[in-house]
Amino acid sequence: MPEITVVCATGPRQVVELLHTAAADTTALDVLQALMQPLGLDATALQAVVNDGRIGVWGKPIPADRVLVEGDRLEVYRPLTVDPKVARRARFVRQGAKTAGLFAKKRPGAKAGY
């Protein structure tokens, strides 16, 4: 019986991590259906997760009918609410050019970018 870690991002900076012992030929969908309550998913949310392909194993997207094996980490992803590129640009504007990334002064008296 394989032991599988199931991780679900329920909100910003909120992660639910569960350990689940499954039968030998258990698929990702079977595990998610068994853990709907502890993960905070209802039937419509589970269907949306499966249809949108927001599940993966160790960061790689998988189909819902993939058979899980010992040591797999099944992850349920939230949809992105903001494009990461747009968020990075907004952070850069907010922080200013002199205090962010390559342009920040790392040591007192140092030139920016070194």
PDB file of N, CA and C in Angstrom:
ATOM      1  N   MET A   1       0.843  -1.182   0.000  1.00  0.00           N
ATOM      2  CA  MET A   1       0.000   0.000   0.000  1.00  0.00           C
ATOM      3  C   MET A   1       0.889   1.247   0.000  1.00  0.00           C
ATOM      4  N   PRO A   2       0.827   2.018  -1.074  1.00  0.00           N
ATOM      5  CA  PRO A   2       1.684   3.206  -1.159  1.00  0.00           C
ATOM      6  C   PRO A   2       1.226   4.316  -0.213  1.00  0.00           C
ATOM      7  N   GLU A   3       2.194   5.033   0.327  1.00  0.00           N
ATOM      8  CA  GLU A   3       1.919   6.185   1.165  1.00  0.00           C
ATOM      9  C   GLU A   3       2.166   7.435   0.329  1.00  0.00           C
ATOM     10  N   ILE A   4       1.154   8.293   0.235  1.00  0.00           N
ATOM     11  CA  ILE A   4       1.181   9.448  -0.650  1.00  0.00           C
ATOM     12  C   ILE A   4       0.964  10.708   0.179  1.00  0.00           C
ATOM     13  N   THR A   5       1.743  11.730  -0.087  1.00  0.00           N
ATOM     14  CA  THR A   5       1.543  13.033   0.536  1.00  0.00           C
ATOM     15  C   THR A   5       0.652  13.853  -0.383  1.00  0.00           C
ATOM     16  N   VAL A   6      -0.389  14.442   0.192  1.00  0.00           N
ATOM     17  CA  VAL A   6      -1.314  15.278  -0.577  1.00  0.00           C
ATOM     18  C   VAL A   6      -1.203  16.695  -0.032  1.00  0.00           C
ATOM     19  N   VAL A   7      -0.938  17.648  -0.937  1.00  0.00           N
ATOM     20  CA  VAL A   7      -0.762  19.050  -0.557  1.00  0.00           C
ATOM     21  C   VAL A   7      -1.758  19.887  -1.346  1.00  0.00           C
ATOM     22  N   CYS A   8      -2.461  20.770  -0.633  1.00  0.00           N
ATOM     23  CA  CYS A   8      -3.454  21.633  -1.281  1.00  0.00           C
ATOM     24  C   CYS A   8      -3.267  23.060  -0.781  1.00  0.00           C
ATOM     25  N   ALA A   9      -3.133  24.005  -1.703  1.00  0.00           N
ATOM     26  CA  ALA A   9      -3.055  25.419  -1.353  1.00  0.00           C
ATOM     27  C   ALA A   9      -4.471  25.956  -1.248  1.00  0.00           C
ATOM     28  N   THR A  10      -4.937  26.187  -0.016  1.00  0.00           N
ATOM     29  CA  THR A  10      -6.315  26.621   0.187  1.00  0.00           C
ATOM     30  C   THR A  10      -6.484  28.124   0.072  1.00  0.00           C
ATOM     31  N   GLY A  11      -5.411  28.863   0.266  1.00  0.00           N
ATOM     32  CA  GLY A  11      -5.461  30.315   0.180  1.00  0.00           C
ATOM     33  C   GLY A  11      -4.047  30.862   0.144  1.00  0.00           C
ATOM     34  N   PRO A  12      -3.910  32.187   0.107  1.00  0.00           N
ATOM     35  CA  PRO A  12      -2.568  32.762   0.117  1.00  0.00           C
ATOM     36  C   PRO A  12      -1.825  32.385   1.394  1.00  0.00           C
ATOM     37  N   ARG A  13      -0.653  31.789   1.234  1.00  0.00           N
ATOM     38  CA  ARG A  13       0.198  31.349   2.340  1.00  0.00           C
ATOM     39  C   ARG A  13      -0.499  30.361   3.274  1.00  0.00           C
ATOM     40  N   GLN A  14      -1.467  29.622   2.751  1.00  0.00           N
ATOM     41  CA  GLN A  14      -2.159  28.588   3.521  1.00  0.00           C
ATOM     42  C   GLN A  14      -2.040  27.271   2.766  1.00  0.00           C
ATOM     43  N   VAL A  15      -1.425  26.290   3.397  1.00  0.00           N
ATOM     44  CA  VAL A  15      -1.215  24.993   2.759  1.00  0.00           C
ATOM     45  C   VAL A  15      -1.676  23.898   3.696  1.00  0.00           C
ATOM     46  N   VAL A  16      -2.459  22.971   3.166  1.00  0.00           N
ATOM     47  CA  VAL A  16      -2.886  21.785   3.908  1.00  0.00           C
ATOM     48  C   VAL A  16      -2.076  20.616   3.382  1.00  0.00           C
ATOM     49  N   GLU A  17      -1.402  19.901   4.275  1.00  0.00           N
ATOM     50  CA  GLU A  17      -0.588  18.750   3.877  1.00  0.00           C
ATOM     51  C   GLU A  17      -1.064  17.531   4.649  1.00  0.00           C
ATOM     52  N   LEU A  18      -1.430  16.483   3.918  1.00  0.00           N
ATOM     53  CA  LEU A  18      -1.946  15.256   4.520  1.00  0.00           C
ATOM     54  C   LEU A  18      -1.148  14.057   4.030  1.00  0.00           C
ATOM     55  N   LEU A  19      -1.067  13.047   4.860  1.00  0.00           N
ATOM     56  CA  LEU A  19      -0.438  11.784   4.487  1.00  0.00           C
ATOM     57  C   LEU A  19      -1.562  10.774   4.276  1.00  0.00           C
ATOM     58  N   HIS A  20      -1.571  10.108   3.131  1.00  0.00           N
ATOM     59  CA  HIS A  20      -2.657   9.188   2.794  1.00  0.00           C
ATOM     60  C   HIS A  20      -2.082   7.844   2.354  1.00  0.00           C
ATOM     61  N   THR A  21      -2.604   6.775   2.947  1.00  0.00           N
ATOM     62  CA  THR A  21      -2.235   5.426   2.534  1.00  0.00           C
ATOM     63  C   THR A  21      -3.311   4.924   1.589  1.00  0.00           C
ATOM     64  N   ALA A  22      -2.913   4.570   0.381  1.00  0.00           N
ATOM     65  CA  ALA A  22      -3.865   4.197  -0.657  1.00  0.00           C
ATOM     66  C   ALA A  22      -3.645   2.753  -1.093  1.00  0.00           C
ATOM     67  N   ALA A  23      -4.610   2.224  -1.825  1.00  0.00           N
ATOM     68  CA  ALA A  23      -4.488   0.884  -2.393  1.00  0.00           C
ATOM     69  C   ALA A  23      -3.464   0.913  -3.528  1.00  0.00           C
ATOM     70  N   ALA A  24      -3.106  -0.245  -4.027  1.00  0.00           N
ATOM     71  CA  ALA A  24      -2.019  -0.369  -5.005  1.00  0.00           C
ATOM     72  C   ALA A  24      -2.290   0.372  -6.319  1.00  0.00           C
ATOM     73  N   ASP A  25      -3.473   0.297  -6.868  1.00  0.00           N
ATOM     74  CA  ASP A  25      -3.760   0.917  -8.172  1.00  0.00           C
ATOM     75  C   ASP A  25      -4.663   2.142  -8.022  1.00  0.00           C
ATOM     76  N   THR A  26      -4.342   3.020  -7.094  1.00  0.00           N
ATOM     77  CA  THR A  26      -5.157   4.197  -6.840  1.00  0.00           C
ATOM     78  C   THR A  26      -4.728   5.342  -7.756  1.00  0.00           C
ATOM     79  N   THR A  27      -5.716   6.005  -8.353  1.00  0.00           N
ATOM     80  CA  THR A  27      -5.428   7.141  -9.223  1.00  0.00           C
ATOM     81  C   THR A  27      -5.474   8.441  -8.418  1.00  0.00           C
ATOM     82  N   ALA A  28      -5.009   9.510  -9.023  1.00  0.00           N
ATOM     83  CA  ALA A  28      -5.025  10.815  -8.376  1.00  0.00           C
ATOM     84  C   ALA A  28      -6.452  11.248  -8.061  1.00  0.00           C
ATOM     85  N   LEU A  29      -7.383  10.977  -8.962  1.00  0.00           N
ATOM     86  CA  LEU A  29      -8.781  11.335  -8.733  1.00  0.00           C
ATOM     87  C   LEU A  29      -9.358  10.580  -7.548  1.00  0.00           C
ATOM     88  N   ASP A  30      -9.015   9.295  -7.401  1.00  0.00           N
ATOM     89  CA  ASP A  30      -9.492   8.507  -6.263  1.00  0.00           C
ATOM     90  C   ASP A  30      -9.027   9.108  -4.938  1.00  0.00           C
ATOM     91  N   VAL A  31      -7.772   9.511  -4.886  1.00  0.00           N
ATOM     92  CA  VAL A  31      -7.222  10.095  -3.658  1.00  0.00           C
ATOM     93  C   VAL A  31      -7.914  11.419  -3.344  1.00  0.00           C
ATOM     94  N   LEU A  32      -8.118  12.248  -4.366  1.00  0.00           N
ATOM     95  CA  LEU A  32      -8.780  13.529  -4.140  1.00  0.00           C
ATOM     96  C   LEU A  32     -10.227  13.348  -3.687  1.00  0.00           C
ATOM     97  N   GLN A  33     -10.913  12.361  -4.246  1.00  0.00           N
ATOM     98  CA  GLN A  33     -12.284  12.102  -3.814  1.00  0.00           C
ATOM     99  C   GLN A  33     -12.324  11.612  -2.372  1.00  0.00           C
ATOM    100  N   ALA A  34     -11.340  10.822  -1.975  1.00  0.00           N
ATOM    101  CA  ALA A  34     -11.304  10.310  -0.604  1.00  0.00           C
ATOM    102  C   ALA A  34     -10.987  11.421   0.401  1.00  0.00           C
ATOM    103  N   LEU A  35     -10.249  12.446  -0.026  1.00  0.00           N
ATOM    104  CA  LEU A  35      -9.809  13.503   0.886  1.00  0.00           C
ATOM    105  C   LEU A  35     -10.499  14.841   0.629  1.00  0.00           C
ATOM    106  N   MET A  36     -11.676  14.828   0.036  1.00  0.00           N
ATOM    107  CA  MET A  36     -12.362  16.080  -0.277  1.00  0.00           C
ATOM    108  C   MET A  36     -12.614  16.919   0.974  1.00  0.00           C
ATOM    109  N   GLN A  37     -13.136  16.338   2.027  1.00  0.00           N
ATOM    110  CA  GLN A  37     -13.456  17.083   3.247  1.00  0.00           C
ATOM    111  C   GLN A  37     -12.217  17.681   3.914  1.00  0.00           C
ATOM    112  N   PRO A  38     -11.163  16.879   4.185  1.00  0.00           N
ATOM    113  CA  PRO A  38      -9.988  17.471   4.843  1.00  0.00           C
ATOM    114  C   PRO A  38      -9.296  18.548   4.007  1.00  0.00           C
ATOM    115  N   LEU A  39      -9.390  18.446   2.676  1.00  0.00           N
ATOM    116  CA  LEU A  39      -8.770  19.440   1.804  1.00  0.00           C
ATOM    117  C   LEU A  39      -9.637  20.675   1.609  1.00  0.00           C
ATOM    118  N   GLY A  40     -10.884  20.612   2.056  1.00  0.00           N
ATOM    119  CA  GLY A  40     -11.780  21.742   1.915  1.00  0.00           C
ATOM    120  C   GLY A  40     -12.359  21.880   0.514  1.00  0.00           C
ATOM    121  N   LEU A  41     -12.488  20.760  -0.196  1.00  0.00           N
ATOM    122  CA  LEU A  41     -13.048  20.781  -1.551  1.00  0.00           C
ATOM    123  C   LEU A  41     -14.464  20.218  -1.529  1.00  0.00           C
ATOM    124  N   ASP A  42     -15.350  20.828  -2.302  1.00  0.00           N
ATOM    125  CA  ASP A  42     -16.660  20.219  -2.520  1.00  0.00           C
ATOM    126  C   ASP A  42     -16.654  19.614  -3.931  1.00  0.00           C
ATOM    127  N   ALA A  43     -17.773  19.026  -4.328  1.00  0.00           N
ATOM    128  CA  ALA A  43     -17.817  18.308  -5.610  1.00  0.00           C
ATOM    129  C   ALA A  43     -17.550  19.233  -6.796  1.00  0.00           C
ATOM    130  N   THR A  44     -18.100  20.444  -6.769  1.00  0.00           N
ATOM    131  CA  THR A  44     -17.887  21.361  -7.898  1.00  0.00           C
ATOM    132  C   THR A  44     -16.442  21.856  -7.943  1.00  0.00           C
ATOM    133  N   ALA A  45     -15.854  22.120  -6.777  1.00  0.00           N
ATOM    134  CA  ALA A  45     -14.455  22.561  -6.738  1.00  0.00           C
ATOM    135  C   ALA A  45     -13.528  21.452  -7.221  1.00  0.00           C
ATOM    136  N   LEU A  46     -13.827  20.216  -6.835  1.00  0.00           N
ATOM    137  CA  LEU A  46     -13.013  19.083  -7.282  1.00  0.00           C
ATOM    138  C   LEU A  46     -13.109  18.910  -8.794  1.00  0.00           C
ATOM    139  N   GLN A  47     -14.310  19.051  -9.327  1.00  0.00           N
ATOM    140  CA  GLN A  47     -14.505  18.935 -10.773  1.00  0.00           C
ATOM    141  C   GLN A  47     -13.741  20.033 -11.510  1.00  0.00           C
ATOM    142  N   ALA A  48     -13.742  21.251 -10.958  1.00  0.00           N
ATOM    143  CA  ALA A  48     -13.012  22.358 -11.583  1.00  0.00           C
ATOM    144  C   ALA A  48     -11.510  22.106 -11.557  1.00  0.00           C
ATOM    145  N   VAL A  49     -11.016  21.582 -10.445  1.00  0.00           N
ATOM    146  CA  VAL A  49      -9.581  21.278 -10.334  1.00  0.00           C
ATOM    147  C   VAL A  49      -9.175  20.250 -11.375  1.00  0.00           C
ATOM    148  N   VAL A  50      -9.977  19.207 -11.529  1.00  0.00           N
ATOM    149  CA  VAL A  50      -9.664  18.137 -12.481  1.00  0.00           C
ATOM    150  C   VAL A  50      -9.781  18.638 -13.920  1.00  0.00           C
ATOM    151  N   ASN A  51     -10.842  19.381 -14.225  1.00  0.00           N
ATOM    152  CA  ASN A  51     -11.046  19.866 -15.594  1.00  0.00           C
ATOM    153  C   ASN A  51      -9.982  20.873 -16.022  1.00  0.00           C
ATOM    154  N   ASP A  52      -9.541  21.721 -15.099  1.00  0.00           N
ATOM    155  CA  ASP A  52      -8.544  22.736 -15.427  1.00  0.00           C
ATOM    156  C   ASP A  52      -7.122  22.190 -15.393  1.00  0.00           C
ATOM    157  N   GLY A  53      -6.961  20.950 -14.966  1.00  0.00           N
ATOM    158  CA  GLY A  53      -5.630  20.352 -14.923  1.00  0.00           C
ATOM    159  C   GLY A  53      -4.744  20.970 -13.857  1.00  0.00           C
ATOM    160  N   ARG A  54      -5.337  21.296 -12.713  1.00  0.00           N
ATOM    161  CA  ARG A  54      -4.579  21.941 -11.652  1.00  0.00           C
ATOM    162  C   ARG A  54      -4.096  20.948 -10.601  1.00  0.00           C
ATOM    163  N   ILE A  55      -3.700  19.766 -11.036  1.00  0.00           N
ATOM    164  CA  ILE A  55      -3.089  18.798 -10.135  1.00  0.00           C
ATOM    165  C   ILE A  55      -1.758  18.368 -10.714  1.00  0.00           C
ATOM    166  N   GLY A  56      -0.859  17.995  -9.822  1.00  0.00           N
ATOM    167  CA  GLY A  56       0.458  17.583 -10.282  1.00  0.00           C
ATOM    168  C   GLY A  56       1.141  16.713  -9.248  1.00  0.00           C
ATOM    169  N   VAL A  57       2.230  16.101  -9.658  1.00  0.00           N
ATOM    170  CA  VAL A  57       3.068  15.315  -8.760  1.00  0.00           C
ATOM    171  C   VAL A  57       4.448  15.939  -8.799  1.00  0.00           C
ATOM    172  N   TRP A  58       4.902  16.390  -7.643  1.00  0.00           N
ATOM    173  CA  TRP A  58       6.209  17.027  -7.528  1.00  0.00           C
ATOM    174  C   TRP A  58       6.375  18.164  -8.541  1.00  0.00           C
ATOM    175  N   GLY A  59       5.331  18.987  -8.704  1.00  0.00           N
ATOM    176  CA  GLY A  59       5.431  20.169  -9.551  1.00  0.00           C
ATOM    177  C   GLY A  59       5.196  19.951 -11.025  1.00  0.00           C
ATOM    178  N   LYS A  60       4.927  18.729 -11.438  1.00  0.00           N
ATOM    179  CA  LYS A  60       4.689  18.456 -12.856  1.00  0.00           C
ATOM    180  C   LYS A  60       3.211  18.083 -13.039  1.00  0.00           C
ATOM    181  N   PRO A  61       2.532  18.752 -13.968  1.00  0.00           N
ATOM    182  CA  PRO A  61       1.112  18.456 -14.195  1.00  0.00           C
ATOM    183  C   PRO A  61       0.896  17.004 -14.616  1.00  0.00           C
ATOM    184  N   ILE A  62      -0.194  16.424 -14.118  1.00  0.00           N
ATOM    185  CA  ILE A  62      -0.535  15.040 -14.449  1.00  0.00           C
ATOM    186  C   ILE A  62      -2.017  14.959 -14.796  1.00  0.00           C
ATOM    187  N   PRO A  63      -2.427  13.922 -15.533  1.00  0.00           N
ATOM    188  CA  PRO A  63      -3.865  13.691 -15.737  1.00  0.00           C
ATOM    189  C   PRO A  63      -4.464  13.082 -14.477  1.00  0.00           C
ATOM    190  N   ALA A  64      -5.767  13.229 -14.301  1.00  0.00           N
ATOM    191  CA  ALA A  64      -6.438  12.742 -13.096  1.00  0.00           C
ATOM    192  C   ALA A  64      -6.439  11.223 -13.007  1.00  0.00           C
ATOM    193  N   ASP A  65      -6.253  10.526 -14.136  1.00  0.00           N
ATOM    194  CA  ASP A  65      -6.300   9.063 -14.105  1.00  0.00           C
ATOM    195  C   ASP A  65      -4.922   8.423 -13.935  1.00  0.00           C
ATOM    196  N   ARG A  66      -3.915   9.212 -13.597  1.00  0.00           N
ATOM    197  CA  ARG A  66      -2.568   8.659 -13.378  1.00  0.00           C
ATOM    198  C   ARG A  66      -2.545   7.862 -12.077  1.00  0.00           C
ATOM    199  N   VAL A  67      -1.952   6.679 -12.126  1.00  0.00           N
ATOM    200  CA  VAL A  67      -1.820   5.822 -10.945  1.00  0.00           C
ATOM    201  C   VAL A  67      -0.654   6.345 -10.105  1.00  0.00           C
ATOM    202  N   LEU A  68      -0.917   6.524  -8.811  1.00  0.00           N
ATOM    203  CA  LEU A  68       0.100   7.049  -7.906  1.00  0.00           C
ATOM    204  C   LEU A  68       0.906   5.914  -7.291  1.00  0.00           C
ATOM    205  N   VAL A  69       2.174   6.189  -7.015  1.00  0.00           N
ATOM    206  CA  VAL A  69       3.066   5.185  -6.440  1.00  0.00           C
ATOM    207  C   VAL A  69       3.632   5.709  -5.121  1.00  0.00           C
ATOM    208  N   GLU A  70       4.308   4.832  -4.410  1.00  0.00           N
ATOM    209  CA  GLU A  70       4.923   5.167  -3.122  1.00  0.00           C
ATOM    210  C   GLU A  70       5.826   6.391  -3.258  1.00  0.00           C
ATOM    211  N   GLY A  71       5.670   7.350  -2.344  1.00  0.00           N
ATOM    212  CA  GLY A  71       6.528   8.522  -2.326  1.00  0.00           C
ATOM    213  C   GLY A  71       6.058   9.679  -3.186  1.00  0.00           C
ATOM    214  N   ASP A  72       4.958   9.519  -3.912  1.00  0.00           N
ATOM    215  CA  ASP A  72       4.446  10.626  -4.719  1.00  0.00           C
ATOM    216  C   ASP A  72       3.915  11.734  -3.817  1.00  0.00           C
ATOM    217  N   ARG A  73       4.057  12.955  -4.281  1.00  0.00           N
ATOM    218  CA  ARG A  73       3.507  14.124  -3.595  1.00  0.00           C
ATOM    219  C   ARG A  73       2.464  14.723  -4.540  1.00  0.00           C
ATOM    220  N   LEU A  74       1.214  14.445  -4.279  1.00  0.00           N
ATOM    221  CA  LEU A  74       0.106  14.942  -5.096  1.00  0.00           C
ATOM    222  C   LEU A  74      -0.206  16.367  -4.669  1.00  0.00           C
ATOM    223  N   GLU A  75      -0.164  17.295  -5.625  1.00  0.00           N
ATOM    224  CA  GLU A  75      -0.370  18.707  -5.331  1.00  0.00           C
ATOM    225  C   GLU A  75      -1.603  19.222  -6.040  1.00  0.00           C
ATOM    226  N   VAL A  76      -2.411  20.008  -5.332  1.00  0.00           N
ATOM    227  CA  VAL A  76      -3.596  20.658  -5.893  1.00  0.00           C
ATOM    228  C   VAL A  76      -3.298  22.145  -5.929  1.00  0.00           C
ATOM    229  N   TYR A  77      -3.348  22.726  -7.121  1.00  0.00           N
ATOM    230  CA  TYR A  77      -2.958  24.122  -7.307  1.00  0.00           C
ATOM    231  C   TYR A  77      -4.172  25.037  -7.363  1.00  0.00           C
ATOM    232  N   ARG A  78      -4.001  26.258  -6.837  1.00  0.00           N
ATOM    233  CA  ARG A  78      -5.033  27.285  -6.961  1.00  0.00           C
ATOM    234  C   ARG A  78      -4.837  28.000  -8.292  1.00  0.00           C
ATOM    235  N   PRO A  79      -5.895  28.556  -8.866  1.00  0.00           N
ATOM    236  CA  PRO A  79      -5.711  29.336 -10.093  1.00  0.00           C
ATOM    237  C   PRO A  79      -4.983  30.649  -9.771  1.00  0.00           C
ATOM    238  N   LEU A  80      -4.184  31.119 -10.707  1.00  0.00           N
ATOM    239  CA  LEU A  80      -3.497  32.388 -10.514  1.00  0.00           C
ATOM    240  C   LEU A  80      -4.501  33.522 -10.612  1.00  0.00           C
ATOM    241  N   THR A  81      -4.446  34.445  -9.659  1.00  0.00           N
ATOM    242  CA  THR A  81      -5.348  35.600  -9.702  1.00  0.00           C
ATOM    243  C   THR A  81      -4.681  36.795 -10.364  1.00  0.00           C
ATOM    244  N   VAL A  82      -3.346  36.807 -10.371  1.00  0.00           N
ATOM    245  CA  VAL A  82      -2.589  37.888 -10.988  1.00  0.00           C
ATOM    246  C   VAL A  82      -1.485  37.261 -11.832  1.00  0.00           C
ATOM    247  N   ASP A  83      -1.268  37.829 -13.008  1.00  0.00           N
ATOM    248  CA  ASP A  83      -0.173  37.369 -13.853  1.00  0.00           C
ATOM    249  C   ASP A  83       1.154  37.652 -13.139  1.00  0.00           C
ATOM    250  N   PRO A  84       2.043  36.656 -12.981  1.00  0.00           N
ATOM    251  CA  PRO A  84       3.302  36.877 -12.259  1.00  0.00           C
ATOM    252  C   PRO A  84       4.151  38.011 -12.835  1.00  0.00           C
ATOM    253  N   LYS A  85       4.124  38.204 -14.142  1.00  0.00           N
ATOM    254  CA  LYS A  85       4.896  39.296 -14.744  1.00  0.00           C
ATOM    255  C   LYS A  85       4.347  40.653 -14.319  1.00  0.00           C
ATOM    256  N   VAL A  86       3.027  40.764 -14.266  1.00  0.00           N
ATOM    257  CA  VAL A  86       2.400  42.019 -13.856  1.00  0.00           C
ATOM    258  C   VAL A  86       2.710  42.286 -12.381  1.00  0.00           C
ATOM    259  N   ALA A  87       2.654  41.254 -11.548  1.00  0.00           N
ATOM    260  CA  ALA A  87       2.948  41.417 -10.121  1.00  0.00           C
ATOM    261  C   ALA A  87       4.389  41.853  -9.907  1.00  0.00           C
ATOM    262  N   ARG A  88       5.314  41.292 -10.669  1.00  0.00           N
ATOM    263  CA  ARG A  88       6.726  41.665 -10.534  1.00  0.00           C
ATOM    264  C   ARG A  88       6.937  43.122 -10.938  1.00  0.00           C
ATOM    265  N   ARG A  89       6.305  43.542 -12.023  1.00  0.00           N
ATOM    266  CA  ARG A  89       6.430  44.941 -12.450  1.00  0.00           C
ATOM    267  C   ARG A  89       5.871  45.896 -11.389  1.00  0.00           C
ATOM    268  N   ALA A  90       4.729  45.525 -10.803  1.00  0.00           N
ATOM    269  CA  ALA A  90       4.124  46.376  -9.771  1.00  0.00           C
ATOM    270  C   ALA A  90       5.027  46.463  -8.543  1.00  0.00           C
ATOM    271  N   ARG A  91       5.645  45.350  -8.147  1.00  0.00           N
ATOM    272  CA  ARG A  91       6.582  45.362  -7.018  1.00  0.00           C
ATOM    273  C   ARG A  91       7.777  46.258  -7.322  1.00  0.00           C
ATOM    274  N   PHE A  92       8.286  46.175  -8.533  1.00  0.00           N
ATOM    275  CA  PHE A  92       9.437  46.977  -8.935  1.00  0.00           C
ATOM    276  C   PHE A  92       9.096  48.459  -8.877  1.00  0.00           C
ATOM    277  N   VAL A  93       7.902  48.833  -9.346  1.00  0.00           N
ATOM    278  CA  VAL A  93       7.479  50.231  -9.310  1.00  0.00           C
ATOM    279  C   VAL A  93       7.316  50.689  -7.862  1.00  0.00           C
ATOM    280  N   ARG A  94       6.745  49.843  -7.031  1.00  0.00           N
ATOM    281  CA  ARG A  94       6.504  50.177  -5.628  1.00  0.00           C
ATOM    282  C   ARG A  94       7.820  50.336  -4.852  1.00  0.00           C
ATOM    283  N   GLN A  95       8.790  49.449  -5.114  1.00  0.00           N
ATOM    284  CA  GLN A  95      10.055  49.481  -4.379  1.00  0.00           C
ATOM    285  C   GLN A  95      11.002  50.556  -4.904  1.00  0.00           C
ATOM    286  N   GLY A  96      10.895  50.848  -6.170  1.00  0.00           N
ATOM    287  CA  GLY A  96      11.795  51.830  -6.765  1.00  0.00           C
ATOM    288  C   GLY A  96      12.992  51.144  -7.398  1.00  0.00           C
ATOM    289  N   ALA A  97      13.598  51.802  -8.361  1.00  0.00           N
ATOM    290  CA  ALA A  97      14.691  51.208  -9.124  1.00  0.00           C
ATOM    291  C   ALA A  97      15.962  51.047  -8.297  1.00  0.00           C
ATOM    292  N   LYS A  98      16.163  51.863  -7.293  1.00  0.00           N
ATOM    293  CA  LYS A  98      17.414  51.816  -6.533  1.00  0.00           C
ATOM    294  C   LYS A  98      17.422  50.735  -5.450  1.00  0.00           C
ATOM    295  N   THR A  99      16.280  50.148  -5.145  1.00  0.00           N
ATOM    296  CA  THR A  99      16.229  49.195  -4.029  1.00  0.00           C
ATOM    297  C   THR A  99      15.856  47.784  -4.439  1.00  0.00           C
ATOM    298  N   ALA A 100      15.726  47.522  -5.731  1.00  0.00           N
ATOM    299  CA  ALA A 100      15.245  46.205  -6.152  1.00  0.00           C
ATOM    300  C   ALA A 100      16.243  45.515  -7.062  1.00  0.00           C
ATOM    301  N   GLY A 101      16.397  44.216  -6.867  1.00  0.00           N
ATOM    302  CA  GLY A 101      17.141  43.364  -7.779  1.00  0.00           C
ATOM    303  C   GLY A 101      18.582  43.771  -8.017  1.00  0.00           C
ATOM    304  N   LEU A 102      19.002  43.765  -9.265  1.00  0.00           N
ATOM    305  CA  LEU A 102      20.372  44.043  -9.658  1.00  0.00           C
ATOM    306  C   LEU A 102      20.774  45.481  -9.351  1.00  0.00           C
ATOM    307  N   PHE A 103      19.798  46.388  -9.244  1.00  0.00           N
ATOM    308  CA  PHE A 103      20.081  47.799  -9.057  1.00  0.00           C
ATOM    309  C   PHE A 103      20.272  48.180  -7.597  1.00  0.00           C
ATOM    310  N   ALA A 104      20.047  47.252  -6.690  1.00  0.00           N
ATOM    311  CA  ALA A 104      20.194  47.546  -5.264  1.00  0.00           C
ATOM    312  C   ALA A 104      21.672  47.603  -4.884  1.00  0.00           C
ATOM    313  N   LYS A 105      21.999  48.482  -3.975  1.00  0.00           N
ATOM    314  CA  LYS A 105      23.363  48.546  -3.446  1.00  0.00           C
ATOM    315  C   LYS A 105      23.484  47.481  -2.361  1.00  0.00           C
ATOM    316  N   LYS A 106      24.397  46.552  -2.553  1.00  0.00           N
ATOM    317  CA  LYS A 106      24.526  45.427  -1.630  1.00  0.00           C
ATOM    318  C   LYS A 106      25.382  45.784  -0.414  1.00  0.00           C
ATOM    319  N   ARG A 107      26.435  46.597  -0.613  1.00  0.00           N
ATOM    320  CA  ARG A 107      27.329  46.985   0.481  1.00  0.00           C
ATOM    321  C   ARG A 107      27.354  48.514   0.567  1.00  0.00           C
ATOM    322  N   PRO A 108      27.616  49.034   1.732  1.00  0.00           N
ATOM    323  CA  PRO A 108      27.735  50.502   1.833  1.00  0.00           C
ATOM    324  C   PRO A 108      28.871  50.996   0.927  1.00  0.00           C
ATOM    325  N   GLY A 109      28.596  51.980   0.116  1.00  0.00           N
ATOM    326  CA  GLY A 109      29.599  52.550  -0.766  1.00  0.00           C
ATOM    327  C   GLY A 109      29.780  51.810  -2.082  1.00  0.00           C
ATOM    328  N   ALA A 110      29.075  50.690  -2.284  1.00  0.00           N
ATOM    329  CA  ALA A 110      29.225  49.910  -3.506  1.00  0.00           C
ATOM    330  C   ALA A 110      28.406  50.526  -4.629  1.00  0.00           C
ATOM    331  N   LYS A 111      28.841  50.259  -5.863  1.00  0.00           N
ATOM    332  CA  LYS A 111      28.076  50.703  -7.027  1.00  0.00           C
ATOM    333  C   LYS A 111      26.881  49.774  -7.213  1.00  0.00           C
ATOM    334  N   ALA A 112      25.810  50.307  -7.741  1.00  0.00           N
ATOM    335  CA  ALA A 112      24.634  49.488  -8.023  1.00  0.00           C
ATOM    336  C   ALA A 112      24.987  48.477  -9.095  1.00  0.00           C
ATOM    337  N   GLY A 113      24.538  47.243  -8.927  1.00  0.00           N
ATOM    338  CA  GLY A 113      24.778  46.191  -9.899  1.00  0.00           C
ATOM    339  C   GLY A 113      26.023  45.374  -9.636  1.00  0.00           C
ATOM    340  N   TYR A 114      26.740  45.669  -8.542  1.00  0.00           N
ATOM    341  CA  TYR A 114      27.947  44.903  -8.220  1.00  0.00           C
ATOM    342  C   TYR A 114      27.862  44.288  -6.859  1.00  0.00           C
TER     343      TYR A 114
END
